[in-house]
Amino acid sequence: MNRLLATLILSCGAAATAAVEAAPPHWTRPAEPFEIFDDVYYVGSEGLAAYLFATDEGLALLDVGLPENVELVEANIRKLGFHVSNVRYLINSHAHFDHSGGLARLKADSGATLVASAEDRFALENGVYPGWETRREFDFPPVAVDRVIGDGESLTLGDLTLTAHLTPGHSPGCTSWSFTARNDGGAHRALVFCSASVAANRLVPDPQYPGIVEDYQSTFRRMKTMAVDVWLAPHPEQFGLAEKRDRLAGGDADAFVDPAEKDRRMAAFEQAFAEALARASAESP
């Protein structure tokens, strides 16, 4: 969620639909689906990512977007030649309305098992943004979590293994997912990083949730030790999707491979967090 949208939402005090009306237009603008790596597809909108993993035992879908994004995500799945009813697992990066808002309907349409972290379960099953429970504009359709996954645990479907890495801060149960991305016989360490932006989160003196500052700091420390060849994220601008997609279409099979990108992106997240914490600390009584 970007700072501009957070400001619009927090200042408007309107109904839940106002959040969608205030959203950047590209969040709900359709985008052509495409294959990023072997059996790994982008099926999201122009501004909100959704990732489809195809195996001989069914499909796994990571994030959906807003409730309004369900139809375009399902249309993209069909456009690739797959069936929504073959989605076996729904996976969530974090329980914010712009990424989990469409989970309930897609779960109903597919019959998939929803997998999420214990720390984000409350938000998903109540359709709220922890710390902003009274802000109805942050609400989204609640959805039952069928399987709780812990840090370092893996989800297996056919020849696909997705491993959960808890990277809290942006949400209490923010979960990054790693997998092996393959193309042209090569194998790359890929990660869909949850997020480490501050966005609408309060840090001090009234934290969004207890321990949020420490959570961000632990995520920054942890990410420094992780090797990542392919950096993906819930927001396309957080990994340069448009430019990489064009390079891929132009014949660069390794357009999404950049072992140095993780450090660049995390350094920017950490600097923005430090600045936000300094501002909040200076403003606190």
C-alpha atoms as a PDB file:
ATOM      1  CA  MET A   1       0.000   0.000   0.000  1.00  0.00           C
ATOM      2  CA  ASN A   2       1.573   3.327  -1.000  1.00  0.00           C
ATOM      3  CA  ARG A   3       1.793   6.414   1.210  1.00  0.00           C
ATOM      4  CA  LEU A   4      -0.554   8.475  -0.972  1.00  0.00           C
ATOM      5  CA  LEU A   5      -3.342   5.916  -0.793  1.00  0.00           C
ATOM      6  CA  ALA A   6      -2.846   5.450   2.947  1.00  0.00           C
ATOM      7  CA  THR A   7      -3.214   9.205   3.439  1.00  0.00           C
ATOM      8  CA  LEU A   8      -6.359   9.316   1.299  1.00  0.00           C
ATOM      9  CA  ILE A   9      -7.968   6.429   3.145  1.00  0.00           C
ATOM     10  CA  LEU A  10      -7.065   7.556   6.640  1.00  0.00           C
ATOM     11  CA  SER A  11      -8.294  11.078   6.016  1.00  0.00           C
ATOM     12  CA  CYS A  12     -11.608  10.233   4.386  1.00  0.00           C
ATOM     13  CA  GLY A  13     -13.448   8.278   7.115  1.00  0.00           C
ATOM     14  CA  ALA A  14     -15.776   6.935   4.399  1.00  0.00           C
ATOM     15  CA  ALA A  15     -17.263   3.495   3.857  1.00  0.00           C
ATOM     16  CA  ALA A  16     -15.213   0.509   2.760  1.00  0.00           C
ATOM     17  CA  THR A  17     -15.886   1.188  -0.918  1.00  0.00           C
ATOM     18  CA  ALA A  18     -14.035   4.475  -0.589  1.00  0.00           C
ATOM     19  CA  ALA A  19     -10.812   2.542  -0.232  1.00  0.00           C
ATOM     20  CA  VAL A  20     -11.337   1.079  -3.689  1.00  0.00           C
ATOM     21  CA  GLU A  21     -12.440   4.402  -5.132  1.00  0.00           C
ATOM     22  CA  ALA A  22      -9.285   6.033  -3.745  1.00  0.00           C
ATOM     23  CA  ALA A  23      -7.037   3.253  -5.025  1.00  0.00           C
ATOM     24  CA  PRO A  24      -4.691   3.970  -7.912  1.00  0.00           C
ATOM     25  CA  PRO A  25      -6.502   3.037 -11.161  1.00  0.00           C
ATOM     26  CA  HIS A  26      -3.821   0.511 -12.124  1.00  0.00           C
ATOM     27  CA  TRP A  27      -4.645  -1.597  -9.058  1.00  0.00           C
ATOM     28  CA  THR A  28      -7.793  -2.833 -10.805  1.00  0.00           C
ATOM     29  CA  ARG A  29      -6.671  -2.399 -14.410  1.00  0.00           C
ATOM     30  CA  PRO A  30      -6.410  -5.738 -16.265  1.00  0.00           C
ATOM     31  CA  ALA A  31      -2.989  -6.964 -17.374  1.00  0.00           C
ATOM     32  CA  GLU A  32      -2.111  -9.725 -19.788  1.00  0.00           C
ATOM     33  CA  PRO A  33      -1.001 -12.867 -17.933  1.00  0.00           C
ATOM     34  CA  PHE A  34       2.387 -14.275 -18.829  1.00  0.00           C
ATOM     35  CA  GLU A  35       4.873 -16.972 -17.833  1.00  0.00           C
ATOM     36  CA  ILE A  36       7.727 -15.624 -15.711  1.00  0.00           C
ATOM     37  CA  PHE A  37       9.539 -18.954 -15.306  1.00  0.00           C
ATOM     38  CA  ASP A  38       8.622 -22.518 -16.154  1.00  0.00           C
ATOM     39  CA  ASP A  39       5.130 -23.106 -14.710  1.00  0.00           C
ATOM     40  CA  VAL A  40       5.186 -19.793 -12.794  1.00  0.00           C
ATOM     41  CA  TYR A  41       2.790 -17.148 -14.106  1.00  0.00           C
ATOM     42  CA  TYR A  42       1.818 -13.573 -13.384  1.00  0.00           C
ATOM     43  CA  VAL A  43      -2.000 -13.386 -13.284  1.00  0.00           C
ATOM     44  CA  GLY A  44      -2.539 -10.160 -11.349  1.00  0.00           C
ATOM     45  CA  SER A  45      -3.666  -6.709 -12.376  1.00  0.00           C
ATOM     46  CA  GLU A  46      -1.418  -3.949 -13.625  1.00  0.00           C
ATOM     47  CA  GLY A  47      -0.850  -2.748 -10.055  1.00  0.00           C
ATOM     48  CA  LEU A  48      -1.465  -5.712  -7.723  1.00  0.00           C
ATOM     49  CA  ALA A  49       0.435  -8.956  -8.185  1.00  0.00           C
ATOM     50  CA  ALA A  50      -0.971 -12.471  -8.137  1.00  0.00           C
ATOM     51  CA  TYR A  51       1.189 -15.509  -8.905  1.00  0.00           C
ATOM     52  CA  LEU A  52       0.003 -18.831 -10.300  1.00  0.00           C
ATOM     53  CA  PHE A  53       2.077 -21.998  -9.886  1.00  0.00           C
ATOM     54  CA  ALA A  54       1.149 -24.914 -12.146  1.00  0.00           C
ATOM     55  CA  THR A  55       1.901 -28.560 -11.349  1.00  0.00           C
ATOM     56  CA  ASP A  56       0.634 -31.934 -12.528  1.00  0.00           C
ATOM     57  CA  GLU A  57      -1.334 -32.150  -9.270  1.00  0.00           C
ATOM     58  CA  GLY A  58      -3.079 -28.803  -9.577  1.00  0.00           C
ATOM     59  CA  LEU A  59      -2.499 -25.094  -9.131  1.00  0.00           C
ATOM     60  CA  ALA A  60      -1.380 -22.841  -6.295  1.00  0.00           C
ATOM     61  CA  LEU A  61      -2.258 -19.136  -6.266  1.00  0.00           C
ATOM     62  CA  LEU A  62      -0.386 -16.550  -4.208  1.00  0.00           C
ATOM     63  CA  ASP A  63      -2.484 -13.439  -3.458  1.00  0.00           C
ATOM     64  CA  VAL A  64      -5.507 -12.177  -5.366  1.00  0.00           C
ATOM     65  CA  GLY A  65      -5.758  -8.440  -4.772  1.00  0.00           C
ATOM     66  CA  LEU A  66      -8.888  -6.461  -4.033  1.00  0.00           C
ATOM     67  CA  PRO A  67     -12.350  -8.072  -4.135  1.00  0.00           C
ATOM     68  CA  GLU A  68     -12.764  -6.273  -7.468  1.00  0.00           C
ATOM     69  CA  ASN A  69      -9.713  -8.132  -8.834  1.00  0.00           C
ATOM     70  CA  VAL A  70     -11.201 -11.624  -8.595  1.00  0.00           C
ATOM     71  CA  GLU A  71     -12.823 -11.597 -12.018  1.00  0.00           C
ATOM     72  CA  LEU A  72      -9.683 -10.428 -13.804  1.00  0.00           C
ATOM     73  CA  VAL A  73      -7.481 -12.935 -11.936  1.00  0.00           C
ATOM     74  CA  GLU A  74      -9.863 -15.770 -12.785  1.00  0.00           C
ATOM     75  CA  ALA A  75     -10.038 -14.568 -16.404  1.00  0.00           C
ATOM     76  CA  ASN A  76      -6.227 -14.575 -16.559  1.00  0.00           C
ATOM     77  CA  ILE A  77      -6.095 -18.112 -15.198  1.00  0.00           C
ATOM     78  CA  ARG A  78      -8.514 -19.263 -17.884  1.00  0.00           C
ATOM     79  CA  LYS A  79      -6.664 -17.305 -20.565  1.00  0.00           C
ATOM     80  CA  LEU A  80      -3.556 -19.352 -19.771  1.00  0.00           C
ATOM     81  CA  GLY A  81      -5.542 -22.536 -20.354  1.00  0.00           C
ATOM     82  CA  PHE A  82      -6.098 -23.495 -16.726  1.00  0.00           C
ATOM     83  CA  HIS A  83      -9.288 -24.007 -14.719  1.00  0.00           C
ATOM     84  CA  VAL A  84     -10.070 -22.066 -11.544  1.00  0.00           C
ATOM     85  CA  SER A  85     -11.492 -25.278 -10.091  1.00  0.00           C
ATOM     86  CA  ASN A  86      -7.971 -26.754 -10.241  1.00  0.00           C
ATOM     87  CA  VAL A  87      -6.591 -24.232  -7.743  1.00  0.00           C
ATOM     88  CA  ARG A  88      -5.698 -26.494  -4.826  1.00  0.00           C
ATOM     89  CA  TYR A  89      -3.989 -23.939  -2.580  1.00  0.00           C
ATOM     90  CA  LEU A  90      -4.580 -20.262  -1.980  1.00  0.00           C
ATOM     91  CA  ILE A  91      -1.595 -18.596  -0.337  1.00  0.00           C
ATOM     92  CA  ASN A  92      -1.398 -15.132   1.188  1.00  0.00           C
ATOM     93  CA  SER A  93       1.576 -12.807   1.569  1.00  0.00           C
ATOM     94  CA  HIS A  94      -0.133 -10.594   4.122  1.00  0.00           C
ATOM     95  CA  ALA A  95      -3.603  -9.822   5.414  1.00  0.00           C
ATOM     96  CA  HIS A  96      -4.196  -6.342   3.993  1.00  0.00           C
ATOM     97  CA  PHE A  97      -7.272  -5.575   1.911  1.00  0.00           C
ATOM     98  CA  ASP A  98      -5.304  -4.864  -1.269  1.00  0.00           C
ATOM     99  CA  HIS A  99      -3.836  -8.397  -1.320  1.00  0.00           C
ATOM    100  CA  SER A 100      -6.311 -10.545   0.616  1.00  0.00           C
ATOM    101  CA  GLY A 101      -9.577  -8.829  -0.301  1.00  0.00           C
ATOM    102  CA  GLY A 102     -10.350 -11.317  -3.065  1.00  0.00           C
ATOM    103  CA  LEU A 103      -9.421 -14.493  -1.193  1.00  0.00           C
ATOM    104  CA  ALA A 104     -12.912 -15.293   0.104  1.00  0.00           C
ATOM    105  CA  ARG A 105     -14.554 -15.263  -3.300  1.00  0.00           C
ATOM    106  CA  LEU A 106     -11.740 -17.091  -5.060  1.00  0.00           C
ATOM    107  CA  LYS A 107     -11.788 -19.726  -2.333  1.00  0.00           C
ATOM    108  CA  ALA A 108     -15.531 -20.159  -2.830  1.00  0.00           C
ATOM    109  CA  ASP A 109     -15.132 -20.352  -6.610  1.00  0.00           C
ATOM    110  CA  SER A 110     -12.288 -22.868  -6.509  1.00  0.00           C
ATOM    111  CA  GLY A 111     -12.760 -24.856  -3.296  1.00  0.00           C
ATOM    112  CA  ALA A 112      -9.060 -24.316  -2.579  1.00  0.00           C
ATOM    113  CA  THR A 113      -7.362 -24.720   0.790  1.00  0.00           C
ATOM    114  CA  LEU A 114      -6.269 -21.360   2.224  1.00  0.00           C
ATOM    115  CA  VAL A 115      -2.798 -21.372   3.742  1.00  0.00           C
ATOM    116  CA  ALA A 116      -1.556 -18.486   5.911  1.00  0.00           C
ATOM    117  CA  SER A 117       0.502 -17.685   8.987  1.00  0.00           C
ATOM    118  CA  ALA A 118      -0.911 -17.898  12.500  1.00  0.00           C
ATOM    119  CA  GLU A 119      -0.057 -14.248  13.103  1.00  0.00           C
ATOM    120  CA  ASP A 120      -2.235 -13.077  10.187  1.00  0.00           C
ATOM    121  CA  ARG A 121      -5.073 -15.504  10.845  1.00  0.00           C
ATOM    122  CA  PHE A 122      -7.069 -13.096  13.011  1.00  0.00           C
ATOM    123  CA  ALA A 123      -7.004 -10.397  10.334  1.00  0.00           C
ATOM    124  CA  LEU A 124      -7.998 -12.812   7.559  1.00  0.00           C
ATOM    125  CA  GLU A 125     -10.819 -14.442   9.473  1.00  0.00           C
ATOM    126  CA  ASN A 126     -12.212 -11.120  10.682  1.00  0.00           C
ATOM    127  CA  GLY A 127     -11.518  -9.082   7.553  1.00  0.00           C
ATOM    128  CA  VAL A 128      -9.747  -6.290   9.411  1.00  0.00           C
ATOM    129  CA  TYR A 129      -6.444  -4.429   9.492  1.00  0.00           C
ATOM    130  CA  PRO A 130      -4.959  -5.037  12.989  1.00  0.00           C
ATOM    131  CA  GLY A 131      -4.643  -1.736  14.777  1.00  0.00           C
ATOM    132  CA  TRP A 132      -7.244  -0.112  12.538  1.00  0.00           C
ATOM    133  CA  GLU A 133     -10.207  -2.330  13.469  1.00  0.00           C
ATOM    134  CA  THR A 134     -12.453   0.713  13.775  1.00  0.00           C
ATOM    135  CA  ARG A 135     -11.501   1.917  10.291  1.00  0.00           C
ATOM    136  CA  ARG A 136     -14.169   0.267   8.159  1.00  0.00           C
ATOM    137  CA  GLU A 137     -12.426   1.484   5.003  1.00  0.00           C
ATOM    138  CA  PHE A 138      -9.668  -1.089   5.640  1.00  0.00           C
ATOM    139  CA  ASP A 139     -12.119  -3.998   5.925  1.00  0.00           C
ATOM    140  CA  PHE A 140     -12.317  -6.842   3.424  1.00  0.00           C
ATOM    141  CA  PRO A 141     -14.434 -10.020   3.140  1.00  0.00           C
ATOM    142  CA  PRO A 142     -13.341 -12.403   5.909  1.00  0.00           C
ATOM    143  CA  VAL A 143     -12.075 -15.827   4.926  1.00  0.00           C
ATOM    144  CA  ALA A 144     -11.369 -18.978   6.942  1.00  0.00           C
ATOM    145  CA  VAL A 145      -7.784 -20.176   7.142  1.00  0.00           C
ATOM    146  CA  ASP A 146      -7.668 -23.928   6.524  1.00  0.00           C
ATOM    147  CA  ARG A 147      -3.999 -24.525   7.198  1.00  0.00           C
ATOM    148  CA  VAL A 148      -1.647 -22.513   9.382  1.00  0.00           C
ATOM    149  CA  ILE A 149       1.940 -22.598   8.205  1.00  0.00           C
ATOM    150  CA  GLY A 150       4.920 -21.742  10.366  1.00  0.00           C
ATOM    151  CA  ASP A 151       8.286 -20.191   9.686  1.00  0.00           C
ATOM    152  CA  GLY A 152      10.443 -22.514   7.590  1.00  0.00           C
ATOM    153  CA  GLU A 153       7.599 -24.912   6.834  1.00  0.00           C
ATOM    154  CA  SER A 154       6.946 -25.931   3.253  1.00  0.00           C
ATOM    155  CA  LEU A 155       3.893 -26.463   1.101  1.00  0.00           C
ATOM    156  CA  THR A 156       4.263 -29.168  -1.555  1.00  0.00           C
ATOM    157  CA  LEU A 157       2.109 -29.692  -4.624  1.00  0.00           C
ATOM    158  CA  GLY A 158       3.413 -32.008  -7.326  1.00  0.00           C
ATOM    159  CA  ASP A 159       6.987 -30.959  -8.072  1.00  0.00           C
ATOM    160  CA  LEU A 160       6.471 -27.526  -6.470  1.00  0.00           C
ATOM    161  CA  THR A 161       7.790 -26.665  -3.024  1.00  0.00           C
ATOM    162  CA  LEU A 162       6.957 -23.276  -1.523  1.00  0.00           C
ATOM    163  CA  THR A 163       8.672 -22.427   1.764  1.00  0.00           C
ATOM    164  CA  ALA A 164       7.257 -19.866   4.192  1.00  0.00           C
ATOM    165  CA  HIS A 165       9.550 -17.267   5.746  1.00  0.00           C
ATOM    166  CA  LEU A 166       7.953 -15.052   8.395  1.00  0.00           C
ATOM    167  CA  THR A 167       9.066 -11.479   7.759  1.00  0.00           C
ATOM    168  CA  PRO A 168       6.764  -9.480  10.065  1.00  0.00           C
ATOM    169  CA  GLY A 169       6.403  -5.741  10.437  1.00  0.00           C
ATOM    170  CA  HIS A 170       4.262  -4.695   7.505  1.00  0.00           C
ATOM    171  CA  SER A 171       1.711  -7.077   9.033  1.00  0.00           C
ATOM    172  CA  PRO A 172       2.075  -9.271  12.131  1.00  0.00           C
ATOM    173  CA  GLY A 173       2.260 -12.432  10.019  1.00  0.00           C
ATOM    174  CA  CYS A 174       3.798 -11.046   6.850  1.00  0.00           C
ATOM    175  CA  THR A 175       4.994 -14.140   4.983  1.00  0.00           C
ATOM    176  CA  SER A 176       7.563 -14.278   2.192  1.00  0.00           C
ATOM    177  CA  TRP A 177       7.556 -17.373   0.004  1.00  0.00           C
ATOM    178  CA  SER A 178      10.624 -18.972  -1.572  1.00  0.00           C
ATOM    179  CA  PHE A 179      10.745 -21.503  -4.380  1.00  0.00           C
ATOM    180  CA  THR A 180      13.059 -22.718  -7.114  1.00  0.00           C
ATOM    181  CA  ALA A 181      12.447 -20.898 -10.404  1.00  0.00           C
ATOM    182  CA  ARG A 182      13.525 -22.785 -13.516  1.00  0.00           C
ATOM    183  CA  ASN A 183      14.062 -21.717 -17.105  1.00  0.00           C
ATOM    184  CA  ASP A 184      16.142 -23.087 -19.969  1.00  0.00           C
ATOM    185  CA  GLY A 185      17.516 -25.744 -17.677  1.00  0.00           C
ATOM    186  CA  GLY A 186      18.684 -23.207 -15.078  1.00  0.00           C
ATOM    187  CA  ALA A 187      17.553 -23.103 -11.440  1.00  0.00           C
ATOM    188  CA  HIS A 188      17.287 -19.881  -9.464  1.00  0.00           C
ATOM    189  CA  ARG A 189      16.513 -19.078  -5.817  1.00  0.00           C
ATOM    190  CA  ALA A 190      13.285 -17.076  -6.011  1.00  0.00           C
ATOM    191  CA  LEU A 191      11.441 -15.155  -3.315  1.00  0.00           C
ATOM    192  CA  VAL A 192       8.086 -13.385  -3.273  1.00  0.00           C
ATOM    193  CA  PHE A 193       8.894 -10.878  -0.528  1.00  0.00           C
ATOM    194  CA  CYS A 194       5.872  -9.879   1.549  1.00  0.00           C
ATOM    195  CA  SER A 195       6.812  -6.217   2.138  1.00  0.00           C
ATOM    196  CA  ALA A 196       8.655  -4.045   4.620  1.00  0.00           C
ATOM    197  CA  SER A 197       7.031  -0.710   3.842  1.00  0.00           C
ATOM    198  CA  VAL A 198       5.616   1.314   6.717  1.00  0.00           C
ATOM    199  CA  ALA A 199       2.620   2.623   4.697  1.00  0.00           C
ATOM    200  CA  ALA A 200      -0.276   3.259   7.116  1.00  0.00           C
ATOM    201  CA  ASN A 201       1.405   1.552  10.078  1.00  0.00           C
ATOM    202  CA  ARG A 202       1.975   3.418  13.325  1.00  0.00           C
ATOM    203  CA  LEU A 203       5.385   2.784  14.895  1.00  0.00           C
ATOM    204  CA  VAL A 204       5.559   4.885  18.095  1.00  0.00           C
ATOM    205  CA  PRO A 205       4.294   5.893  20.592  1.00  0.00           C
ATOM    206  CA  ASP A 206       1.059   4.007  19.845  1.00  0.00           C
ATOM    207  CA  PRO A 207       2.234   1.031  17.785  1.00  0.00           C
ATOM    208  CA  GLN A 208       0.009  -0.609  15.181  1.00  0.00           C
ATOM    209  CA  TYR A 209       0.471  -3.810  17.144  1.00  0.00           C
ATOM    210  CA  PRO A 210       2.767  -4.702  20.062  1.00  0.00           C
ATOM    211  CA  GLY A 211       6.333  -5.338  18.943  1.00  0.00           C
ATOM    212  CA  ILE A 212       5.983  -3.880  15.458  1.00  0.00           C
ATOM    213  CA  VAL A 213       9.269  -1.941  15.593  1.00  0.00           C
ATOM    214  CA  GLU A 214      11.180  -5.010  16.735  1.00  0.00           C
ATOM    215  CA  ASP A 215       9.476  -7.062  14.005  1.00  0.00           C
ATOM    216  CA  TYR A 216      10.626  -4.715  11.266  1.00  0.00           C
ATOM    217  CA  GLN A 217      14.145  -4.739  12.671  1.00  0.00           C
ATOM    218  CA  SER A 218      14.247  -8.538  12.857  1.00  0.00           C
ATOM    219  CA  THR A 219      13.074  -8.761   9.244  1.00  0.00           C
ATOM    220  CA  PHE A 220      15.841  -6.423   8.084  1.00  0.00           C
ATOM    221  CA  ARG A 221      18.420  -8.527   9.926  1.00  0.00           C
ATOM    222  CA  ARG A 222      17.046 -11.765   8.560  1.00  0.00           C
ATOM    223  CA  MET A 223      16.923 -10.623   4.965  1.00  0.00           C
ATOM    224  CA  LYS A 224      20.596  -9.703   5.048  1.00  0.00           C
ATOM    225  CA  THR A 225      21.397 -13.411   5.435  1.00  0.00           C
ATOM    226  CA  MET A 226      19.136 -14.731   2.675  1.00  0.00           C
ATOM    227  CA  ALA A 227      20.454 -15.423  -0.824  1.00  0.00           C
ATOM    228  CA  VAL A 228      17.931 -14.489  -3.514  1.00  0.00           C
ATOM    229  CA  ASP A 229      18.409 -14.642  -7.289  1.00  0.00           C
ATOM    230  CA  VAL A 230      14.865 -13.658  -8.269  1.00  0.00           C
ATOM    231  CA  TRP A 231      13.066 -10.908  -6.342  1.00  0.00           C
ATOM    232  CA  LEU A 232       9.271 -10.710  -6.637  1.00  0.00           C
ATOM    233  CA  ALA A 233       6.718  -8.785  -4.567  1.00  0.00           C
ATOM    234  CA  PRO A 234       2.988  -8.083  -4.109  1.00  0.00           C
ATOM    235  CA  HIS A 235       3.282  -4.684  -5.823  1.00  0.00           C
ATOM    236  CA  PRO A 236       4.780  -4.662  -9.357  1.00  0.00           C
ATOM    237  CA  GLU A 237       6.704  -1.426  -8.756  1.00  0.00           C
ATOM    238  CA  GLN A 238       8.558  -3.149  -5.908  1.00  0.00           C
ATOM    239  CA  PHE A 239      10.380  -5.381  -8.398  1.00  0.00           C
ATOM    240  CA  GLY A 240      10.255  -3.483 -11.703  1.00  0.00           C
ATOM    241  CA  LEU A 241       7.711  -5.774 -13.338  1.00  0.00           C
ATOM    242  CA  ALA A 242       6.969  -3.690 -16.442  1.00  0.00           C
ATOM    243  CA  GLU A 243      10.595  -3.290 -17.495  1.00  0.00           C
ATOM    244  CA  LYS A 244      11.438  -6.939 -16.821  1.00  0.00           C
ATOM    245  CA  ARG A 245       8.343  -8.159 -18.650  1.00  0.00           C
ATOM    246  CA  ASP A 246       9.400  -6.162 -21.718  1.00  0.00           C
ATOM    247  CA  ARG A 247      12.899  -7.633 -21.559  1.00  0.00           C
ATOM    248  CA  LEU A 248      11.464 -11.128 -21.217  1.00  0.00           C
ATOM    249  CA  ALA A 249       9.218 -10.575 -24.236  1.00  0.00           C
ATOM    250  CA  GLY A 250      12.279  -9.370 -26.131  1.00  0.00           C
ATOM    251  CA  GLY A 251      14.030 -12.685 -25.606  1.00  0.00           C
ATOM    252  CA  ASP A 252      15.934 -12.166 -22.342  1.00  0.00           C
ATOM    253  CA  ALA A 253      15.090 -15.403 -20.506  1.00  0.00           C
ATOM    254  CA  ASP A 254      16.878 -14.147 -17.387  1.00  0.00           C
ATOM    255  CA  ALA A 255      15.116 -10.783 -17.269  1.00  0.00           C
ATOM    256  CA  PHE A 256      13.888 -11.511 -13.735  1.00  0.00           C
ATOM    257  CA  VAL A 257      17.219 -12.851 -12.477  1.00  0.00           C
ATOM    258  CA  ASP A 258      19.246 -10.324 -10.447  1.00  0.00           C
ATOM    259  CA  PRO A 259      21.098 -11.609  -7.349  1.00  0.00           C
ATOM    260  CA  ALA A 260      21.844  -8.035  -6.251  1.00  0.00           C
ATOM    261  CA  GLU A 261      18.263  -6.781  -6.314  1.00  0.00           C
ATOM    262  CA  LYS A 262      17.322  -8.122  -2.883  1.00  0.00           C
ATOM    263  CA  ASP A 263      19.974  -6.018  -1.164  1.00  0.00           C
ATOM    264  CA  ARG A 264      19.013  -2.875  -3.089  1.00  0.00           C
ATOM    265  CA  ARG A 265      15.328  -3.247  -2.332  1.00  0.00           C
ATOM    266  CA  MET A 266      15.858  -4.089   1.332  1.00  0.00           C
ATOM    267  CA  ALA A 267      18.241  -1.158   1.818  1.00  0.00           C
ATOM    268  CA  ALA A 268      15.537   1.179   0.504  1.00  0.00           C
ATOM    269  CA  PHE A 269      12.916  -0.394   2.785  1.00  0.00           C
ATOM    270  CA  GLU A 270      15.215  -0.106   5.792  1.00  0.00           C
ATOM    271  CA  GLN A 271      16.078   3.523   5.104  1.00  0.00           C
ATOM    272  CA  ALA A 272      12.399   4.448   4.716  1.00  0.00           C
ATOM    273  CA  PHE A 273      11.600   2.639   7.970  1.00  0.00           C
ATOM    274  CA  ALA A 274      14.412   4.442   9.839  1.00  0.00           C
ATOM    275  CA  GLU A 275      13.173   7.786   8.571  1.00  0.00           C
ATOM    276  CA  ALA A 276       9.576   7.003   9.525  1.00  0.00           C
ATOM    277  CA  LEU A 277      10.645   5.879  13.002  1.00  0.00           C
ATOM    278  CA  ALA A 278      12.737   9.025  13.494  1.00  0.00           C
ATOM    279  CA  ARG A 279       9.828  11.251  12.458  1.00  0.00           C
ATOM    280  CA  ALA A 280       7.374   9.442  14.722  1.00  0.00           C
ATOM    281  CA  SER A 281       9.795   9.552  17.645  1.00  0.00           C
ATOM    282  CA  ALA A 282      10.396  13.271  17.173  1.00  0.00           C
ATOM    283  CA  GLU A 283       6.669  13.974  17.054  1.00  0.00           C
ATOM    284  CA  SER A 284       5.775  11.864  20.090  1.00  0.00           C
ATOM    285  CA  PRO A 285       5.239  13.642  23.428  1.00  0.00           C
END
